[in-house]
Amino acid sequence: MNKYEIMYIIRPDVEEEARQSVVERFQKVLTDNGAEIENVDEMGMRRLAYEIKDYRDGYYVVVNFASEPIAIDEFDRQAKFSDDIIRHMAIRNDQ
């Protein structure tokens, strides 16, 4: 199993309860596909470097986990269909 980090940005106009359900839903996507979540860092509302889908701000979440690549593939697939996530990126940590 490799170690990965996924950073995703949730739309700023999502209410607090809905935002928490998005975070929980995408953690469940990872764990259902065999990922072992090590850390979830909700960085909060931040200004974007450039406008994405007409938004200037976004709610940043960083998840560190160990997994096989299938969990990332499923996360990527579901994040593309979600209207709540405006951007996401996964990287492998070689530490």
C-alpha atoms as a PDB file:
ATOM      1  CA  MET A   1       0.000   0.000   0.000  1.00  0.00           C
ATOM      2  CA  ASN A   2       1.230   3.464  -0.912  1.00  0.00           C
ATOM      3  CA  LYS A   3       0.649   6.695   0.991  1.00  0.00           C
ATOM      4  CA  TYR A   4      -1.403   9.376  -0.744  1.00  0.00           C
ATOM      5  CA  GLU A   5      -2.732  12.848  -0.131  1.00  0.00           C
ATOM      6  CA  ILE A   6      -5.922  14.211  -1.664  1.00  0.00           C
ATOM      7  CA  MET A   7      -6.770  17.893  -1.534  1.00  0.00           C
ATOM      8  CA  TYR A   8     -10.211  19.001  -2.604  1.00  0.00           C
ATOM      9  CA  ILE A   9     -12.113  22.278  -2.571  1.00  0.00           C
ATOM     10  CA  ILE A  10     -15.800  22.463  -1.692  1.00  0.00           C
ATOM     11  CA  ARG A  11     -17.988  25.277  -3.046  1.00  0.00           C
ATOM     12  CA  PRO A  12     -18.155  28.237  -0.625  1.00  0.00           C
ATOM     13  CA  ASP A  13     -21.950  28.519  -0.736  1.00  0.00           C
ATOM     14  CA  VAL A  14     -22.533  25.037   0.740  1.00  0.00           C
ATOM     15  CA  GLU A  15     -24.041  25.192   4.245  1.00  0.00           C
ATOM     16  CA  GLU A  16     -22.128  23.795   7.255  1.00  0.00           C
ATOM     17  CA  GLU A  17     -24.214  20.599   7.612  1.00  0.00           C
ATOM     18  CA  ALA A  18     -24.055  19.854   3.898  1.00  0.00           C
ATOM     19  CA  ARG A  19     -20.297  20.502   3.891  1.00  0.00           C
ATOM     20  CA  GLN A  20     -19.782  18.003   6.726  1.00  0.00           C
ATOM     21  CA  SER A  21     -21.827  15.402   4.856  1.00  0.00           C
ATOM     22  CA  VAL A  22     -19.660  15.937   1.736  1.00  0.00           C
ATOM     23  CA  VAL A  23     -16.480  15.410   3.803  1.00  0.00           C
ATOM     24  CA  GLU A  24     -17.932  12.262   5.415  1.00  0.00           C
ATOM     25  CA  ARG A  25     -19.213  10.914   2.095  1.00  0.00           C
ATOM     26  CA  PHE A  26     -15.819  11.206   0.413  1.00  0.00           C
ATOM     27  CA  GLN A  27     -14.044   9.687   3.418  1.00  0.00           C
ATOM     28  CA  LYS A  28     -16.456   6.766   3.099  1.00  0.00           C
ATOM     29  CA  VAL A  29     -15.626   6.444  -0.614  1.00  0.00           C
ATOM     30  CA  LEU A  30     -11.981   5.995   0.332  1.00  0.00           C
ATOM     31  CA  THR A  31     -12.553   3.565   3.223  1.00  0.00           C
ATOM     32  CA  ASP A  32     -15.047   1.478   1.232  1.00  0.00           C
ATOM     33  CA  ASN A  33     -12.294   0.933  -1.339  1.00  0.00           C
ATOM     34  CA  GLY A  34      -9.696  -0.234   1.166  1.00  0.00           C
ATOM     35  CA  ALA A  35      -8.041   3.029   2.219  1.00  0.00           C
ATOM     36  CA  GLU A  36      -6.758   3.544   5.753  1.00  0.00           C
ATOM     37  CA  ILE A  37      -7.268   7.230   6.568  1.00  0.00           C
ATOM     38  CA  GLU A  38      -4.449   8.679   8.677  1.00  0.00           C
ATOM     39  CA  ASN A  39      -5.439  12.346   8.902  1.00  0.00           C
ATOM     40  CA  VAL A  40      -8.188  14.694   7.724  1.00  0.00           C
ATOM     41  CA  ASP A  41      -7.310  18.386   7.821  1.00  0.00           C
ATOM     42  CA  GLU A  42     -10.196  20.757   7.185  1.00  0.00           C
ATOM     43  CA  MET A  43      -8.263  23.907   6.392  1.00  0.00           C
ATOM     44  CA  GLY A  44     -11.409  26.015   6.132  1.00  0.00           C
ATOM     45  CA  MET A  45     -12.428  28.824   3.827  1.00  0.00           C
ATOM     46  CA  ARG A  46      -9.594  30.239   1.722  1.00  0.00           C
ATOM     47  CA  ARG A  47      -9.254  32.639  -1.168  1.00  0.00           C
ATOM     48  CA  LEU A  48      -8.593  30.893  -4.489  1.00  0.00           C
ATOM     49  CA  ALA A  49      -5.594  31.923  -6.568  1.00  0.00           C
ATOM     50  CA  TYR A  50      -7.896  32.311  -9.559  1.00  0.00           C
ATOM     51  CA  GLU A  51     -11.599  32.039 -10.224  1.00  0.00           C
ATOM     52  CA  ILE A  52     -12.945  28.485 -10.574  1.00  0.00           C
ATOM     53  CA  LYS A  53     -16.507  28.069 -11.865  1.00  0.00           C
ATOM     54  CA  ASP A  54     -17.274  31.694 -10.898  1.00  0.00           C
ATOM     55  CA  TYR A  55     -16.129  31.182  -7.278  1.00  0.00           C
ATOM     56  CA  ARG A  56     -13.410  33.299  -5.626  1.00  0.00           C
ATOM     57  CA  ASP A  57     -13.309  31.323  -2.344  1.00  0.00           C
ATOM     58  CA  GLY A  58     -13.452  27.660  -1.405  1.00  0.00           C
ATOM     59  CA  TYR A  59     -13.432  25.324   1.603  1.00  0.00           C
ATOM     60  CA  TYR A  60     -10.198  23.304   1.544  1.00  0.00           C
ATOM     61  CA  VAL A  61      -9.926  19.713   2.829  1.00  0.00           C
ATOM     62  CA  VAL A  62      -6.722  17.613   2.852  1.00  0.00           C
ATOM     63  CA  VAL A  63      -6.874  13.838   3.462  1.00  0.00           C
ATOM     64  CA  ASN A  64      -3.771  11.701   4.111  1.00  0.00           C
ATOM     65  CA  PHE A  65      -4.225   7.948   3.729  1.00  0.00           C
ATOM     66  CA  ALA A  66      -2.648   4.643   2.736  1.00  0.00           C
ATOM     67  CA  SER A  67      -4.278   2.703  -0.064  1.00  0.00           C
ATOM     68  CA  GLU A  68      -4.117   0.922  -3.362  1.00  0.00           C
ATOM     69  CA  PRO A  69      -4.758   3.075  -6.476  1.00  0.00           C
ATOM     70  CA  ILE A  70      -8.342   1.789  -6.858  1.00  0.00           C
ATOM     71  CA  ALA A  71      -9.515   4.021  -3.984  1.00  0.00           C
ATOM     72  CA  ILE A  72      -8.141   7.094  -5.748  1.00  0.00           C
ATOM     73  CA  ASP A  73      -9.785   6.101  -9.013  1.00  0.00           C
ATOM     74  CA  GLU A  74     -13.177   5.817  -7.304  1.00  0.00           C
ATOM     75  CA  PHE A  75     -12.685   9.115  -5.436  1.00  0.00           C
ATOM     76  CA  ASP A  76     -11.759  10.822  -8.709  1.00  0.00           C
ATOM     77  CA  ARG A  77     -14.774   9.377 -10.500  1.00  0.00           C
ATOM     78  CA  GLN A  78     -17.237  10.486  -7.814  1.00  0.00           C
ATOM     79  CA  ALA A  79     -15.635  13.920  -7.353  1.00  0.00           C
ATOM     80  CA  LYS A  80     -16.096  14.626 -11.060  1.00  0.00           C
ATOM     81  CA  PHE A  81     -19.837  13.941 -10.734  1.00  0.00           C
ATOM     82  CA  SER A  82     -20.257  15.969  -7.535  1.00  0.00           C
ATOM     83  CA  ASP A  83     -21.423  19.554  -7.931  1.00  0.00           C
ATOM     84  CA  ASP A  84     -20.138  20.356  -4.425  1.00  0.00           C
ATOM     85  CA  ILE A  85     -16.449  19.803  -5.233  1.00  0.00           C
ATOM     86  CA  ILE A  86     -15.020  22.433  -7.568  1.00  0.00           C
ATOM     87  CA  ARG A  87     -11.449  21.059  -7.737  1.00  0.00           C
ATOM     88  CA  HIS A  88      -9.502  18.034  -6.458  1.00  0.00           C
ATOM     89  CA  MET A  89      -6.000  16.629  -6.732  1.00  0.00           C
ATOM     90  CA  ALA A  90      -4.356  13.427  -5.541  1.00  0.00           C
ATOM     91  CA  ILE A  91      -0.621  12.937  -5.067  1.00  0.00           C
ATOM     92  CA  ARG A  92       1.504  10.025  -3.845  1.00  0.00           C
ATOM     93  CA  ASN A  93       3.801  10.631  -0.883  1.00  0.00           C
ATOM     94  CA  ASP A  94       7.115   8.823  -1.333  1.00  0.00           C
ATOM     95  CA  GLN A  95       8.187   9.188   2.274  1.00  0.00           C
END
